[in-house]
Amino acid sequence: MDSGPCRRVPGLRREELAMLAGISVDYYLRLEQGRDKHPSPQVLDALARALRLDIKAAEHLHRLAGLRACGLARDAQL
C-alpha cells in the first residue's frame, strides 16, 4: 500500500510543527516565508521546544528573529 509521495527529508511536516508549537499552519508558513518578520518570544520558544532545540540553538533562533534571548537560559525545559 502506497502511503503517498516520498518525503525528501525525514522529520516534521509544517502541520505537525505548527500543531506542536500551538500556532496555525498559516502563521508558521508566513514566518517560514519571511512574510511575518516579528514573531513573539513566546512563539519562538514554542518552536524551539517543538523542534527540541538545545539552549544555544534556541538562542540563535531568537537572534535570527532580532530578539534577545534573555529568558531562555532559565528555562531548562527547552
N, C-alpha and C. Protein backbone atom coordinates (compact mmCIF):
# COMPACT_ATOMS: atom_id res chain seq x y z
N MET A 1 0.84 -1.19 0.00
CA MET A 1 0.00 0.00 0.00
C MET A 1 0.88 1.24 0.00
N ASP A 2 0.65 2.11 -0.94
CA ASP A 2 1.42 3.35 -1.06
C ASP A 2 0.87 4.39 -0.09
N SER A 3 1.78 4.99 0.72
CA SER A 3 1.33 5.98 1.70
C SER A 3 1.48 7.40 1.19
N GLY A 4 1.67 7.57 -0.08
CA GLY A 4 1.79 8.92 -0.64
C GLY A 4 3.19 9.16 -1.18
N PRO A 5 3.45 10.39 -1.57
CA PRO A 5 4.75 10.72 -2.14
C PRO A 5 5.87 10.57 -1.11
N CYS A 6 7.02 10.18 -1.60
CA CYS A 6 8.18 10.03 -0.71
C CYS A 6 8.62 11.40 -0.20
N ARG A 7 9.00 11.44 1.06
CA ARG A 7 9.48 12.70 1.64
C ARG A 7 10.94 12.86 1.28
N ARG A 8 11.31 14.10 0.99
CA ARG A 8 12.71 14.37 0.66
C ARG A 8 13.59 14.30 1.89
N VAL A 9 13.05 14.75 3.01
CA VAL A 9 13.81 14.78 4.25
C VAL A 9 12.91 14.26 5.37
N PRO A 10 13.42 13.32 6.18
CA PRO A 10 12.60 12.85 7.29
C PRO A 10 12.45 13.94 8.35
N GLY A 11 11.34 13.93 9.06
CA GLY A 11 11.13 14.91 10.11
C GLY A 11 9.71 15.40 10.14
N LEU A 12 9.50 16.50 10.82
CA LEU A 12 8.17 17.04 10.99
C LEU A 12 7.67 17.74 9.72
N ARG A 13 6.41 17.58 9.47
CA ARG A 13 5.75 18.36 8.41
C ARG A 13 5.37 19.71 9.00
N ARG A 14 5.11 20.68 8.16
CA ARG A 14 4.69 22.01 8.62
C ARG A 14 3.51 21.90 9.58
N GLU A 15 2.55 21.10 9.19
CA GLU A 15 1.34 20.96 10.00
C GLU A 15 1.66 20.41 11.38
N GLU A 16 2.55 19.42 11.42
CA GLU A 16 2.93 18.82 12.70
C GLU A 16 3.68 19.81 13.58
N LEU A 17 4.61 20.54 12.99
CA LEU A 17 5.38 21.52 13.75
C LEU A 17 4.47 22.63 14.28
N ALA A 18 3.59 23.13 13.45
CA ALA A 18 2.66 24.17 13.89
C ALA A 18 1.80 23.68 15.04
N MET A 19 1.30 22.47 14.92
CA MET A 19 0.46 21.91 15.98
C MET A 19 1.24 21.79 17.29
N LEU A 20 2.45 21.24 17.21
CA LEU A 20 3.28 21.08 18.41
C LEU A 20 3.62 22.43 19.05
N ALA A 21 3.79 23.45 18.23
CA ALA A 21 4.13 24.78 18.74
C ALA A 21 2.90 25.57 19.16
N GLY A 22 1.72 25.07 18.83
CA GLY A 22 0.50 25.76 19.20
C GLY A 22 0.20 27.00 18.36
N ILE A 23 0.63 26.96 17.12
CA ILE A 23 0.36 28.08 16.20
C ILE A 23 -0.32 27.52 14.96
N SER A 24 -0.93 28.41 14.19
CA SER A 24 -1.61 27.95 12.98
C SER A 24 -0.59 27.63 11.89
N VAL A 25 -0.99 26.75 11.01
CA VAL A 25 -0.13 26.41 9.87
C VAL A 25 0.09 27.65 9.01
N ASP A 26 -0.95 28.45 8.84
CA ASP A 26 -0.84 29.67 8.04
C ASP A 26 0.20 30.63 8.65
N TYR A 27 0.16 30.81 9.97
CA TYR A 27 1.12 31.69 10.62
C TYR A 27 2.54 31.14 10.49
N TYR A 28 2.70 29.82 10.70
CA TYR A 28 4.03 29.21 10.54
C TYR A 28 4.54 29.41 9.12
N LEU A 29 3.67 29.23 8.14
CA LEU A 29 4.07 29.40 6.74
C LEU A 29 4.51 30.85 6.48
N ARG A 30 3.77 31.82 7.05
CA ARG A 30 4.18 33.22 6.89
C ARG A 30 5.55 33.47 7.52
N LEU A 31 5.82 32.86 8.68
CA LEU A 31 7.14 33.01 9.30
C LEU A 31 8.22 32.37 8.43
N GLU A 32 7.93 31.17 7.97
CA GLU A 32 8.90 30.44 7.15
C GLU A 32 9.25 31.20 5.87
N GLN A 33 8.26 31.85 5.29
CA GLN A 33 8.47 32.58 4.03
C GLN A 33 8.94 34.01 4.25
N GLY A 34 9.05 34.43 5.51
CA GLY A 34 9.52 35.78 5.80
C GLY A 34 8.47 36.86 5.61
N ARG A 35 7.20 36.46 5.51
CA ARG A 35 6.14 37.45 5.35
C ARG A 35 5.71 38.04 6.69
N ASP A 36 5.99 37.36 7.78
CA ASP A 36 5.76 37.90 9.12
C ASP A 36 7.12 37.92 9.79
N LYS A 37 7.63 39.10 10.02
CA LYS A 37 9.02 39.22 10.47
C LYS A 37 9.16 39.54 11.96
N HIS A 38 8.05 39.49 12.70
CA HIS A 38 8.12 39.87 14.10
C HIS A 38 7.42 38.86 15.01
N PRO A 39 7.92 37.60 15.04
CA PRO A 39 7.31 36.64 15.95
C PRO A 39 7.62 37.01 17.40
N SER A 40 6.72 36.69 18.28
CA SER A 40 6.94 36.99 19.69
C SER A 40 7.96 36.01 20.27
N PRO A 41 8.58 36.39 21.39
CA PRO A 41 9.49 35.46 22.06
C PRO A 41 8.78 34.15 22.44
N GLN A 42 7.50 34.24 22.78
CA GLN A 42 6.75 33.05 23.15
C GLN A 42 6.59 32.10 21.97
N VAL A 43 6.35 32.64 20.78
CA VAL A 43 6.24 31.81 19.58
C VAL A 43 7.58 31.16 19.29
N LEU A 44 8.66 31.91 19.39
CA LEU A 44 9.99 31.34 19.14
C LEU A 44 10.31 30.25 20.15
N ASP A 45 9.96 30.48 21.42
CA ASP A 45 10.19 29.45 22.44
C ASP A 45 9.38 28.19 22.13
N ALA A 46 8.14 28.37 21.69
CA ALA A 46 7.29 27.23 21.35
C ALA A 46 7.87 26.45 20.17
N LEU A 47 8.37 27.16 19.17
CA LEU A 47 9.00 26.49 18.03
C LEU A 47 10.28 25.76 18.47
N ALA A 48 11.06 26.40 19.32
CA ALA A 48 12.29 25.77 19.81
C ALA A 48 11.97 24.49 20.58
N ARG A 49 10.93 24.51 21.41
CA ARG A 49 10.53 23.30 22.14
C ARG A 49 10.05 22.23 21.17
N ALA A 50 9.22 22.61 20.20
CA ALA A 50 8.68 21.64 19.23
C ALA A 50 9.80 21.00 18.42
N LEU A 51 10.82 21.78 18.13
CA LEU A 51 11.96 21.27 17.35
C LEU A 51 13.02 20.61 18.22
N ARG A 52 12.80 20.67 19.54
CA ARG A 52 13.74 20.10 20.52
C ARG A 52 15.14 20.70 20.38
N LEU A 53 15.17 22.02 20.19
CA LEU A 53 16.45 22.71 20.08
C LEU A 53 17.11 22.79 21.45
N ASP A 54 18.43 22.69 21.47
CA ASP A 54 19.12 22.93 22.74
C ASP A 54 19.17 24.44 22.98
N ILE A 55 19.66 24.83 24.13
CA ILE A 55 19.60 26.24 24.53
C ILE A 55 20.36 27.14 23.55
N LYS A 56 21.51 26.70 23.08
CA LYS A 56 22.30 27.51 22.14
C LYS A 56 21.54 27.70 20.82
N ALA A 57 20.94 26.65 20.33
CA ALA A 57 20.19 26.74 19.08
C ALA A 57 18.95 27.62 19.27
N ALA A 58 18.30 27.51 20.42
CA ALA A 58 17.13 28.35 20.70
C ALA A 58 17.54 29.83 20.79
N GLU A 59 18.66 30.09 21.42
CA GLU A 59 19.15 31.48 21.49
C GLU A 59 19.46 32.00 20.09
N HIS A 60 20.04 31.15 19.26
CA HIS A 60 20.34 31.54 17.88
C HIS A 60 19.04 31.86 17.11
N LEU A 61 18.01 31.05 17.33
CA LEU A 61 16.71 31.30 16.70
C LEU A 61 16.20 32.68 17.09
N HIS A 62 16.32 33.03 18.37
CA HIS A 62 15.89 34.35 18.84
C HIS A 62 16.72 35.46 18.19
N ARG A 63 18.02 35.24 18.08
CA ARG A 63 18.88 36.26 17.45
C ARG A 63 18.52 36.44 15.98
N LEU A 64 18.24 35.35 15.29
CA LEU A 64 17.85 35.44 13.88
C LEU A 64 16.59 36.28 13.72
N ALA A 65 15.72 36.20 14.71
CA ALA A 65 14.48 36.97 14.66
C ALA A 65 14.67 38.39 15.19
N GLY A 66 15.90 38.73 15.58
CA GLY A 66 16.19 40.07 16.06
C GLY A 66 15.80 40.30 17.50
N LEU A 67 15.65 39.22 18.26
CA LEU A 67 15.28 39.33 19.67
C LEU A 67 16.41 38.86 20.57
N ARG A 68 16.45 39.44 21.75
CA ARG A 68 17.39 38.95 22.76
C ARG A 68 16.78 37.72 23.40
N ALA A 69 17.61 36.77 23.71
CA ALA A 69 17.15 35.51 24.29
C ALA A 69 17.40 35.48 25.79
N CYS A 70 17.05 36.54 26.48
CA CYS A 70 17.40 36.69 27.88
C CYS A 70 16.75 35.65 28.79
N GLY A 71 15.54 35.22 28.54
CA GLY A 71 14.86 34.31 29.44
C GLY A 71 15.12 32.83 29.17
N LEU A 72 15.77 32.53 28.08
CA LEU A 72 15.92 31.12 27.71
C LEU A 72 16.84 30.34 28.63
N ALA A 73 17.88 30.96 29.13
CA ALA A 73 18.83 30.22 29.96
C ALA A 73 18.15 29.72 31.24
N ARG A 74 17.11 30.42 31.71
CA ARG A 74 16.42 29.99 32.92
C ARG A 74 15.47 28.84 32.64
N ASP A 75 15.09 28.66 31.39
CA ASP A 75 14.11 27.62 31.04
C ASP A 75 14.83 26.37 30.55
N ALA A 76 15.15 25.49 31.47
CA ALA A 76 15.88 24.27 31.13
C ALA A 76 15.01 23.28 30.39
N GLN A 77 13.72 23.53 30.26
CA GLN A 77 12.80 22.60 29.62
C GLN A 77 12.76 22.76 28.11
N LEU A 78 13.49 23.71 27.55
CA LEU A 78 13.51 23.87 26.10
C LEU A 78 14.07 22.60 25.53
